[in-house]
Amino acid sequence: MKTIRDFGIILMLSYMLSLNKLKKIKNMRRLGRYIRRLRHKKYVEESVTQLRGKVCSQAIMYGVVDKKTRDLFLKYNDYLVKLNKELK
């Protein structure tokens, strides 16, 4: 539900940018950075979801999880938690 709201915000802001209604705002760079961070957060969420699925499928099929996959999952999951705290 949260990603749908973020996507709606991005669509609304990009529409306003296309109409040149936000050119008068001084904090244009801050807005661009915020949108970029939301897109980056979405990318990291997708990566974490993919790695989680990989870890679960390996655990179910073989009973053992590859160390590299597990380390990557933990690394990106911690980074995602950090991003969520910063964007709130």
PDB file of N, CA and C in Angstrom:
ATOM      1  N   MET A   1       0.822  -1.179   0.000  1.00  0.00           N
ATOM      2  CA  MET A   1       0.000   0.000   0.000  1.00  0.00           C
ATOM      3  C   MET A   1       0.869   1.246   0.000  1.00  0.00           C
ATOM      4  N   LYS A   2       1.979   1.174   0.711  1.00  0.00           N
ATOM      5  CA  LYS A   2       2.863   2.324   0.816  1.00  0.00           C
ATOM      6  C   LYS A   2       3.519   2.639  -0.524  1.00  0.00           C
ATOM      7  N   THR A   3       3.910   1.600  -1.281  1.00  0.00           N
ATOM      8  CA  THR A   3       4.560   1.838  -2.565  1.00  0.00           C
ATOM      9  C   THR A   3       3.577   2.443  -3.560  1.00  0.00           C
ATOM     10  N   ILE A   4       2.303   2.104  -3.461  1.00  0.00           N
ATOM     11  CA  ILE A   4       1.295   2.700  -4.336  1.00  0.00           C
ATOM     12  C   ILE A   4       1.191   4.196  -4.055  1.00  0.00           C
ATOM     13  N   ARG A   5       1.234   4.572  -2.800  1.00  0.00           N
ATOM     14  CA  ARG A   5       1.181   5.983  -2.435  1.00  0.00           C
ATOM     15  C   ARG A   5       2.416   6.710  -2.950  1.00  0.00           C
ATOM     16  N   ASP A   6       3.607   6.108  -2.779  1.00  0.00           N
ATOM     17  CA  ASP A   6       4.839   6.718  -3.264  1.00  0.00           C
ATOM     18  C   ASP A   6       4.804   6.875  -4.774  1.00  0.00           C
ATOM     19  N   PHE A   7       4.294   5.881  -5.459  1.00  0.00           N
ATOM     20  CA  PHE A   7       4.199   5.947  -6.916  1.00  0.00           C
ATOM     21  C   PHE A   7       3.244   7.058  -7.335  1.00  0.00           C
ATOM     22  N   GLY A   8       2.150   7.217  -6.597  1.00  0.00           N
ATOM     23  CA  GLY A   8       1.199   8.288  -6.890  1.00  0.00           C
ATOM     24  C   GLY A   8       1.818   9.658  -6.699  1.00  0.00           C
ATOM     25  N   ILE A   9       2.638   9.793  -5.651  1.00  0.00           N
ATOM     26  CA  ILE A   9       3.329  11.057  -5.402  1.00  0.00           C
ATOM     27  C   ILE A   9       4.289  11.358  -6.543  1.00  0.00           C
ATOM     28  N   ILE A  10       5.020  10.356  -6.995  1.00  0.00           N
ATOM     29  CA  ILE A  10       5.969  10.544  -8.092  1.00  0.00           C
ATOM     30  C   ILE A  10       5.239  10.955  -9.361  1.00  0.00           C
ATOM     31  N   LEU A  11       4.119  10.298  -9.656  1.00  0.00           N
ATOM     32  CA  LEU A  11       3.342  10.653 -10.845  1.00  0.00           C
ATOM     33  C   LEU A  11       2.830  12.085 -10.768  1.00  0.00           C
ATOM     34  N   MET A  12       2.322  12.457  -9.595  1.00  0.00           N
ATOM     35  CA  MET A  12       1.794  13.801  -9.440  1.00  0.00           C
ATOM     36  C   MET A  12       2.886  14.848  -9.612  1.00  0.00           C
ATOM     37  N   LEU A  13       4.040  14.606  -8.993  1.00  0.00           N
ATOM     38  CA  LEU A  13       5.136  15.564  -9.090  1.00  0.00           C
ATOM     39  C   LEU A  13       5.691  15.653 -10.503  1.00  0.00           C
ATOM     40  N   SER A  14       5.803  14.528 -11.187  1.00  0.00           N
ATOM     41  CA  SER A  14       6.305  14.574 -12.553  1.00  0.00           C
ATOM     42  C   SER A  14       5.321  15.291 -13.466  1.00  0.00           C
ATOM     43  N   TYR A  15       4.026  15.142 -13.213  1.00  0.00           N
ATOM     44  CA  TYR A  15       3.022  15.859 -13.999  1.00  0.00           C
ATOM     45  C   TYR A  15       3.148  17.359 -13.773  1.00  0.00           C
ATOM     46  N   MET A  16       3.325  17.744 -12.513  1.00  0.00           N
ATOM     47  CA  MET A  16       3.470  19.165 -12.210  1.00  0.00           C
ATOM     48  C   MET A  16       4.742  19.733 -12.820  1.00  0.00           C
ATOM     49  N   LEU A  17       5.801  18.943 -12.843  1.00  0.00           N
ATOM     50  CA  LEU A  17       7.033  19.388 -13.470  1.00  0.00           C
ATOM     51  C   LEU A  17       6.842  19.584 -14.960  1.00  0.00           C
ATOM     52  N   SER A  18       6.085  18.702 -15.587  1.00  0.00           N
ATOM     53  CA  SER A  18       5.872  18.808 -17.025  1.00  0.00           C
ATOM     54  C   SER A  18       5.048  20.043 -17.369  1.00  0.00           C
ATOM     55  N   LEU A  19       4.244  20.512 -16.463  1.00  0.00           N
ATOM     56  CA  LEU A  19       3.450  21.717 -16.694  1.00  0.00           C
ATOM     57  C   LEU A  19       4.203  22.989 -16.307  1.00  0.00           C
ATOM     58  N   ASN A  20       5.427  22.846 -15.870  1.00  0.00           N
ATOM     59  CA  ASN A  20       6.274  23.978 -15.466  1.00  0.00           C
ATOM     60  C   ASN A  20       5.684  24.778 -14.309  1.00  0.00           C
ATOM     61  N   LYS A  21       4.903  24.141 -13.469  1.00  0.00           N
ATOM     62  CA  LYS A  21       4.314  24.833 -12.331  1.00  0.00           C
ATOM     63  C   LYS A  21       5.267  24.913 -11.148  1.00  0.00           C
ATOM     64  N   LEU A  22       6.292  24.085 -11.139  1.00  0.00           N
ATOM     65  CA  LEU A  22       7.197  24.070  -9.995  1.00  0.00           C
ATOM     66  C   LEU A  22       8.503  24.799 -10.264  1.00  0.00           C
ATOM     67  N   LYS A  23       8.625  25.507 -11.380  1.00  0.00           N
ATOM     68  CA  LYS A  23       9.877  26.174 -11.704  1.00  0.00           C
ATOM     69  C   LYS A  23      10.179  27.309 -10.741  1.00  0.00           C
ATOM     70  N   LYS A  24       9.164  27.869 -10.122  1.00  0.00           N
ATOM     71  CA  LYS A  24       9.359  29.005  -9.234  1.00  0.00           C
ATOM     72  C   LYS A  24       9.837  28.593  -7.848  1.00  0.00           C
ATOM     73  N   ILE A  25       9.792  27.316  -7.556  1.00  0.00           N
ATOM     74  CA  ILE A  25      10.174  26.841  -6.226  1.00  0.00           C
ATOM     75  C   ILE A  25      11.697  26.784  -6.125  1.00  0.00           C
ATOM     76  N   LYS A  26      12.239  27.325  -5.046  1.00  0.00           N
ATOM     77  CA  LYS A  26      13.691  27.366  -4.875  1.00  0.00           C
ATOM     78  C   LYS A  26      14.282  25.994  -4.581  1.00  0.00           C
ATOM     79  N   ASN A  27      13.519  25.141  -3.980  1.00  0.00           N
ATOM     80  CA  ASN A  27      14.036  23.854  -3.533  1.00  0.00           C
ATOM     81  C   ASN A  27      13.840  22.762  -4.575  1.00  0.00           C
ATOM     82  N   MET A  28      14.023  23.097  -5.820  1.00  0.00           N
ATOM     83  CA  MET A  28      13.825  22.148  -6.907  1.00  0.00           C
ATOM     84  C   MET A  28      14.798  20.974  -6.801  1.00  0.00           C
ATOM     85  N   ARG A  29      16.030  21.273  -6.452  1.00  0.00           N
ATOM     86  CA  ARG A  29      17.018  20.196  -6.321  1.00  0.00           C
ATOM     87  C   ARG A  29      16.642  19.236  -5.208  1.00  0.00           C
ATOM     88  N   ARG A  30      16.113  19.768  -4.122  1.00  0.00           N
ATOM     89  CA  ARG A  30      15.709  18.914  -3.005  1.00  0.00           C
ATOM     90  C   ARG A  30      14.586  17.979  -3.434  1.00  0.00           C
ATOM     91  N   LEU A  31      13.661  18.490  -4.224  1.00  0.00           N
ATOM     92  CA  LEU A  31      12.569  17.671  -4.725  1.00  0.00           C
ATOM     93  C   LEU A  31      13.090  16.572  -5.648  1.00  0.00           C
ATOM     94  N   GLY A  32      14.026  16.923  -6.519  1.00  0.00           N
ATOM     95  CA  GLY A  32      14.622  15.929  -7.410  1.00  0.00           C
ATOM     96  C   GLY A  32      15.344  14.841  -6.642  1.00  0.00           C
ATOM     97  N   ARG A  33      16.068  15.242  -5.603  1.00  0.00           N
ATOM     98  CA  ARG A  33      16.768  14.257  -4.767  1.00  0.00           C
ATOM     99  C   ARG A  33      15.782  13.330  -4.073  1.00  0.00           C
ATOM    100  N   TYR A  34      14.664  13.900  -3.598  1.00  0.00           N
ATOM    101  CA  TYR A  34      13.659  13.090  -2.918  1.00  0.00           C
ATOM    102  C   TYR A  34      13.072  12.045  -3.867  1.00  0.00           C
ATOM    103  N   ILE A  35      12.740  12.471  -5.082  1.00  0.00           N
ATOM    104  CA  ILE A  35      12.192  11.535  -6.066  1.00  0.00           C
ATOM    105  C   ILE A  35      13.210  10.459  -6.398  1.00  0.00           C
ATOM    106  N   ARG A  36      14.476  10.854  -6.552  1.00  0.00           N
ATOM    107  CA  ARG A  36      15.531   9.884  -6.843  1.00  0.00           C
ATOM    108  C   ARG A  36      15.673   8.873  -5.710  1.00  0.00           C
ATOM    109  N   ARG A  37      15.577   9.353  -4.468  1.00  0.00           N
ATOM    110  CA  ARG A  37      15.695   8.442  -3.319  1.00  0.00           C
ATOM    111  C   ARG A  37      14.507   7.471  -3.261  1.00  0.00           C
ATOM    112  N   LEU A  38      13.310   7.951  -3.623  1.00  0.00           N
ATOM    113  CA  LEU A  38      12.153   7.049  -3.648  1.00  0.00           C
ATOM    114  C   LEU A  38      12.339   5.957  -4.693  1.00  0.00           C
ATOM    115  N   ARG A  39      12.850   6.332  -5.866  1.00  0.00           N
ATOM    116  CA  ARG A  39      13.092   5.336  -6.905  1.00  0.00           C
ATOM    117  C   ARG A  39      14.160   4.341  -6.464  1.00  0.00           C
ATOM    118  N   HIS A  40      15.211   4.848  -5.802  1.00  0.00           N
ATOM    119  CA  HIS A  40      16.276   3.971  -5.325  1.00  0.00           C
ATOM    120  C   HIS A  40      15.735   3.008  -4.270  1.00  0.00           C
ATOM    121  N   LYS A  41      14.887   3.518  -3.383  1.00  0.00           N
ATOM    122  CA  LYS A  41      14.287   2.674  -2.344  1.00  0.00           C
ATOM    123  C   LYS A  41      13.458   1.558  -2.977  1.00  0.00           C
ATOM    124  N   LYS A  42      12.711   1.895  -4.013  1.00  0.00           N
ATOM    125  CA  LYS A  42      11.902   0.887  -4.698  1.00  0.00           C
ATOM    126  C   LYS A  42      12.796  -0.183  -5.328  1.00  0.00           C
ATOM    127  N   TYR A  43      13.913   0.234  -5.919  1.00  0.00           N
ATOM    128  CA  TYR A  43      14.856  -0.713  -6.521  1.00  0.00           C
ATOM    129  C   TYR A  43      15.444  -1.642  -5.459  1.00  0.00           C
ATOM    130  N   VAL A  44      15.817  -1.087  -4.309  1.00  0.00           N
ATOM    131  CA  VAL A  44      16.388  -1.908  -3.232  1.00  0.00           C
ATOM    132  C   VAL A  44      15.338  -2.866  -2.692  1.00  0.00           C
ATOM    133  N   GLU A  45      14.084  -2.412  -2.581  1.00  0.00           N
ATOM    134  CA  GLU A  45      13.006  -3.305  -2.127  1.00  0.00           C
ATOM    135  C   GLU A  45      12.846  -4.494  -3.063  1.00  0.00           C
ATOM    136  N   GLU A  46      12.902  -4.237  -4.362  1.00  0.00           N
ATOM    137  CA  GLU A  46      12.778  -5.322  -5.334  1.00  0.00           C
ATOM    138  C   GLU A  46      13.947  -6.305  -5.214  1.00  0.00           C
ATOM    139  N   SER A  47      15.152  -5.774  -4.998  1.00  0.00           N
ATOM    140  CA  SER A  47      16.325  -6.638  -4.850  1.00  0.00           C
ATOM    141  C   SER A  47      16.216  -7.506  -3.599  1.00  0.00           C
ATOM    142  N   VAL A  48      15.771  -6.903  -2.505  1.00  0.00           N
ATOM    143  CA  VAL A  48      15.617  -7.653  -1.245  1.00  0.00           C
ATOM    144  C   VAL A  48      14.566  -8.746  -1.404  1.00  0.00           C
ATOM    145  N   THR A  49      13.477  -8.432  -2.077  1.00  0.00           N
ATOM    146  CA  THR A  49      12.419  -9.421  -2.301  1.00  0.00           C
ATOM    147  C   THR A  49      12.933 -10.583  -3.142  1.00  0.00           C
ATOM    148  N   GLN A  50      13.692 -10.264  -4.173  1.00  0.00           N
ATOM    149  CA  GLN A  50      14.254 -11.307  -5.029  1.00  0.00           C
ATOM    150  C   GLN A  50      15.231 -12.187  -4.250  1.00  0.00           C
ATOM    151  N   LEU A  51      16.102 -11.557  -3.453  1.00  0.00           N
ATOM    152  CA  LEU A  51      17.066 -12.337  -2.669  1.00  0.00           C
ATOM    153  C   LEU A  51      16.368 -13.179  -1.609  1.00  0.00           C
ATOM    154  N   ARG A  52      15.310 -12.635  -1.001  1.00  0.00           N
ATOM    155  CA  ARG A  52      14.558 -13.392   0.008  1.00  0.00           C
ATOM    156  C   ARG A  52      13.953 -14.636  -0.614  1.00  0.00           C
ATOM    157  N   GLY A  53      13.402 -14.503  -1.807  1.00  0.00           N
ATOM    158  CA  GLY A  53      12.845 -15.654  -2.508  1.00  0.00           C
ATOM    159  C   GLY A  53      13.903 -16.691  -2.836  1.00  0.00           C
ATOM    160  N   LYS A  54      15.086 -16.204  -3.227  1.00  0.00           N
ATOM    161  CA  LYS A  54      16.187 -17.106  -3.541  1.00  0.00           C
ATOM    162  C   LYS A  54      16.627 -17.875  -2.293  1.00  0.00           C
ATOM    163  N   VAL A  55      16.733 -17.168  -1.166  1.00  0.00           N
ATOM    164  CA  VAL A  55      17.137 -17.804   0.092  1.00  0.00           C
ATOM    165  C   VAL A  55      16.097 -18.843   0.509  1.00  0.00           C
ATOM    166  N   CYS A  56      14.826 -18.485   0.426  1.00  0.00           N
ATOM    167  CA  CYS A  56      13.759 -19.418   0.831  1.00  0.00           C
ATOM    168  C   CYS A  56      13.721 -20.656  -0.059  1.00  0.00           C
ATOM    169  N   SER A  57      13.859 -20.451  -1.363  1.00  0.00           N
ATOM    170  CA  SER A  57      13.798 -21.608  -2.263  1.00  0.00           C
ATOM    171  C   SER A  57      15.001 -22.532  -2.056  1.00  0.00           C
ATOM    172  N   GLN A  58      16.188 -21.956  -1.804  1.00  0.00           N
ATOM    173  CA  GLN A  58      17.353 -22.798  -1.534  1.00  0.00           C
ATOM    174  C   GLN A  58      17.189 -23.553  -0.221  1.00  0.00           C
ATOM    175  N   ALA A  59      16.631 -22.887   0.782  1.00  0.00           N
ATOM    176  CA  ALA A  59      16.431 -23.548   2.073  1.00  0.00           C
ATOM    177  C   ALA A  59      15.435 -24.698   1.952  1.00  0.00           C
ATOM    178  N   ILE A  60      14.395 -24.498   1.164  1.00  0.00           N
ATOM    179  CA  ILE A  60      13.386 -25.549   0.998  1.00  0.00           C
ATOM    180  C   ILE A  60      13.934 -26.711   0.176  1.00  0.00           C
ATOM    181  N   MET A  61      14.619 -26.387  -0.932  1.00  0.00           N
ATOM    182  CA  MET A  61      15.076 -27.435  -1.841  1.00  0.00           C
ATOM    183  C   MET A  61      16.271 -28.222  -1.299  1.00  0.00           C
ATOM    184  N   TYR A  62      17.243 -27.517  -0.737  1.00  0.00           N
ATOM    185  CA  TYR A  62      18.496 -28.174  -0.354  1.00  0.00           C
ATOM    186  C   TYR A  62      18.720 -28.249   1.156  1.00  0.00           C
ATOM    187  N   GLY A  63      18.005 -27.447   1.909  1.00  0.00           N
ATOM    188  CA  GLY A  63      18.206 -27.428   3.350  1.00  0.00           C
ATOM    189  C   GLY A  63      19.385 -26.575   3.766  1.00  0.00           C
ATOM    190  N   VAL A  64      20.091 -26.011   2.794  1.00  0.00           N
ATOM    191  CA  VAL A  64      21.259 -25.169   3.051  1.00  0.00           C
ATOM    192  C   VAL A  64      21.159 -23.955   2.131  1.00  0.00           C
ATOM    193  N   VAL A  65      21.592 -22.794   2.645  1.00  0.00           N
ATOM    194  CA  VAL A  65      21.550 -21.573   1.852  1.00  0.00           C
ATOM    195  C   VAL A  65      22.976 -21.164   1.514  1.00  0.00           C
ATOM    196  N   ASP A  66      23.173 -20.740   0.280  1.00  0.00           N
ATOM    197  CA  ASP A  66      24.471 -20.270  -0.182  1.00  0.00           C
ATOM    198  C   ASP A  66      24.909 -19.074   0.671  1.00  0.00           C
ATOM    199  N   LYS A  67      26.164 -19.081   1.106  1.00  0.00           N
ATOM    200  CA  LYS A  67      26.670 -18.025   1.984  1.00  0.00           C
ATOM    201  C   LYS A  67      26.643 -16.664   1.303  1.00  0.00           C
ATOM    202  N   LYS A  68      26.994 -16.616   0.046  1.00  0.00           N
ATOM    203  CA  LYS A  68      27.026 -15.344  -0.687  1.00  0.00           C
ATOM    204  C   LYS A  68      25.620 -14.742  -0.782  1.00  0.00           C
ATOM    205  N   THR A  69      24.645 -15.556  -1.106  1.00  0.00           N
ATOM    206  CA  THR A  69      23.264 -15.084  -1.212  1.00  0.00           C
ATOM    207  C   THR A  69      22.759 -14.602   0.136  1.00  0.00           C
ATOM    208  N   ARG A  70      23.057 -15.353   1.180  1.00  0.00           N
ATOM    209  CA  ARG A  70      22.624 -14.975   2.526  1.00  0.00           C
ATOM    210  C   ARG A  70      23.249 -13.661   2.963  1.00  0.00           C
ATOM    211  N   ASP A  71      24.554 -13.494   2.696  1.00  0.00           N
ATOM    212  CA  ASP A  71      25.231 -12.249   3.058  1.00  0.00           C
ATOM    213  C   ASP A  71      24.670 -11.060   2.293  1.00  0.00           C
ATOM    214  N   LEU A  72      24.403 -11.246   1.000  1.00  0.00           N
ATOM    215  CA  LEU A  72      23.820 -10.160   0.209  1.00  0.00           C
ATOM    216  C   LEU A  72      22.434  -9.788   0.723  1.00  0.00           C
ATOM    217  N   PHE A  73      21.629 -10.797   1.064  1.00  0.00           N
ATOM    218  CA  PHE A  73      20.299 -10.520   1.585  1.00  0.00           C
ATOM    219  C   PHE A  73      20.382  -9.716   2.872  1.00  0.00           C
ATOM    220  N   LEU A  74      21.242 -10.128   3.802  1.00  0.00           N
ATOM    221  CA  LEU A  74      21.364  -9.408   5.061  1.00  0.00           C
ATOM    222  C   LEU A  74      21.869  -7.982   4.847  1.00  0.00           C
ATOM    223  N   LYS A  75      22.816  -7.821   3.942  1.00  0.00           N
ATOM    224  CA  LYS A  75      23.388  -6.502   3.653  1.00  0.00           C
ATOM    225  C   LYS A  75      22.316  -5.559   3.104  1.00  0.00           C
ATOM    226  N   TYR A  76      21.590  -6.011   2.083  1.00  0.00           N
ATOM    227  CA  TYR A  76      20.594  -5.142   1.464  1.00  0.00           C
ATOM    228  C   TYR A  76      19.368  -4.947   2.340  1.00  0.00           C
ATOM    229  N   ASN A  77      19.042  -5.916   3.159  1.00  0.00           N
ATOM    230  CA  ASN A  77      17.916  -5.761   4.073  1.00  0.00           C
ATOM    231  C   ASN A  77      18.234  -4.709   5.131  1.00  0.00           C
ATOM    232  N   ASP A  78      19.453  -4.725   5.664  1.00  0.00           N
ATOM    233  CA  ASP A  78      19.862  -3.692   6.616  1.00  0.00           C
ATOM    234  C   ASP A  78      19.854  -2.311   5.962  1.00  0.00           C
ATOM    235  N   TYR A  79      20.310  -2.249   4.722  1.00  0.00           N
ATOM    236  CA  TYR A  79      20.329  -0.985   3.997  1.00  0.00           C
ATOM    237  C   TYR A  79      18.913  -0.481   3.754  1.00  0.00           C
ATOM    238  N   LEU A  80      17.990  -1.386   3.467  1.00  0.00           N
ATOM    239  CA  LEU A  80      16.592  -1.003   3.263  1.00  0.00           C
ATOM    240  C   LEU A  80      15.977  -0.471   4.548  1.00  0.00           C
ATOM    241  N   VAL A  81      16.288  -1.072   5.669  1.00  0.00           N
ATOM    242  CA  VAL A  81      15.795  -0.568   6.955  1.00  0.00           C
ATOM    243  C   VAL A  81      16.320   0.839   7.190  1.00  0.00           C
ATOM    244  N   LYS A  82      17.586   1.066   6.879  1.00  0.00           N
ATOM    245  CA  LYS A  82      18.189   2.394   7.023  1.00  0.00           C
ATOM    246  C   LYS A  82      17.499   3.410   6.110  1.00  0.00           C
ATOM    247  N   LEU A  83      17.227   3.027   4.864  1.00  0.00           N
ATOM    248  CA  LEU A  83      16.532   3.927   3.939  1.00  0.00           C
ATOM    249  C   LEU A  83      15.129   4.271   4.434  1.00  0.00           C
ATOM    250  N   ASN A  84      14.429   3.277   4.959  1.00  0.00           N
ATOM    251  CA  ASN A  84      13.069   3.531   5.462  1.00  0.00           C
ATOM    252  C   ASN A  84      13.083   4.509   6.622  1.00  0.00           C
ATOM    253  N   LYS A  85      14.080   4.420   7.490  1.00  0.00           N
ATOM    254  CA  LYS A  85      14.176   5.361   8.616  1.00  0.00           C
ATOM    255  C   LYS A  85      14.464   6.768   8.124  1.00  0.00           C
ATOM    256  N   GLU A  86      15.321   6.891   7.098  1.00  0.00           N
ATOM    257  CA  GLU A  86      15.677   8.222   6.582  1.00  0.00           C
ATOM    258  C   GLU A  86      14.525   8.885   5.853  1.00  0.00           C
ATOM    259  N   LEU A  87      13.708   8.110   5.156  1.00  0.00           N
ATOM    260  CA  LEU A  87      12.646   8.695   4.346  1.00  0.00           C
ATOM    261  C   LEU A  87      11.362   8.977   5.127  1.00  0.00           C
ATOM    262  N   LYS A  88      11.304   8.593   6.386  1.00  0.00           N
ATOM    263  CA  LYS A  88      10.097   8.864   7.187  1.00  0.00           C
ATOM    264  C   LYS A  88      10.150  10.233   7.782  1.00  0.00           C
TER     265      LYS A  88
END
